[in-house]
């Protein structure tokens, strides 16, 4: 599964980092970084929680 972040919508509020720090990171510049574009089945639950928790709906998951 592939994680997609719409960086135009993202406000780097850190909810996704709190939920899935293995996948997302906010660096010293204040911007969100995607650490993994492809997630394993075991990481999918965390990725889904980040999608659901994102207040700006900037994160999605694709199976392609």
Protein backbone atom coordinates (compact mmCIF):
# COMPACT_ATOMS: atom_id res chain seq x y z
CA UNK A 1 0.00 0.00 0.00
CA UNK A 2 1.17 3.49 -0.81
CA UNK A 3 0.86 6.58 1.37
CA UNK A 4 -0.02 9.83 -0.38
CA UNK A 5 0.29 13.23 1.26
CA UNK A 6 -1.25 16.32 -0.30
CA UNK A 7 1.36 18.79 0.88
CA UNK A 8 -0.80 21.70 -0.28
CA UNK A 9 -3.39 20.70 2.33
CA UNK A 10 -0.94 19.61 5.04
CA UNK A 11 -0.41 22.06 7.90
CA UNK A 12 2.29 19.99 9.66
CA UNK A 13 0.25 19.82 12.86
CA UNK A 14 1.88 16.51 13.86
CA UNK A 15 -1.15 14.31 14.47
CA UNK A 16 0.14 11.77 11.94
CA UNK A 17 3.58 11.82 13.56
CA UNK A 18 2.04 11.05 16.94
CA UNK A 19 0.05 8.17 15.44
CA UNK A 20 2.66 6.74 13.07
CA UNK A 21 6.21 8.00 13.80
CA UNK A 22 7.66 5.21 11.67
CA UNK A 23 5.98 6.71 8.61
CA UNK A 24 5.89 10.48 9.22
CA UNK A 25 8.28 13.05 10.65
CA UNK A 26 8.31 16.79 11.23
CA UNK A 27 11.83 18.11 10.94
CA UNK A 28 13.45 21.23 12.34
CA UNK A 29 12.24 23.23 9.35
CA UNK A 30 8.66 22.67 10.54
CA UNK A 31 7.57 20.64 7.52
CA UNK A 32 6.16 17.14 7.37
CA UNK A 33 8.24 14.45 5.71
CA UNK A 34 7.07 11.07 4.53
CA UNK A 35 9.61 8.52 5.72
CA UNK A 36 8.04 5.60 3.83
CA UNK A 37 5.93 5.81 0.72
CA UNK A 38 5.22 2.08 0.73
CA UNK A 39 3.95 0.48 3.93
CA UNK A 40 3.80 -3.16 4.87
CA UNK A 41 0.66 -4.92 6.01
CA UNK A 42 1.80 -4.57 9.62
CA UNK A 43 2.19 -0.78 9.22
CA UNK A 44 -1.13 -0.38 7.46
CA UNK A 45 -3.11 -0.03 10.70
CA UNK A 46 -0.92 2.89 11.76
CA UNK A 47 -1.23 4.49 8.33
CA UNK A 48 -5.02 4.17 8.46
CA UNK A 49 -5.07 5.80 11.89
CA UNK A 50 -3.03 8.69 10.48
CA UNK A 51 -5.48 9.06 7.58
CA UNK A 52 -8.43 9.11 9.98
CA UNK A 53 -6.68 11.47 12.41
CA UNK A 54 -5.48 14.06 9.92
CA UNK A 55 -7.48 17.23 10.60
CA UNK A 56 -6.87 18.60 7.09
CA UNK A 57 -7.53 15.27 5.32
CA UNK A 58 -4.17 15.57 3.58
CA UNK A 59 -3.25 11.87 3.85
CA UNK A 60 -4.63 8.98 1.80
CA UNK A 61 -3.74 5.39 1.02
CA UNK A 62 -3.64 3.85 -2.43
CA UNK A 63 -3.27 0.20 -3.40
CA UNK A 64 -1.53 1.09 -6.67
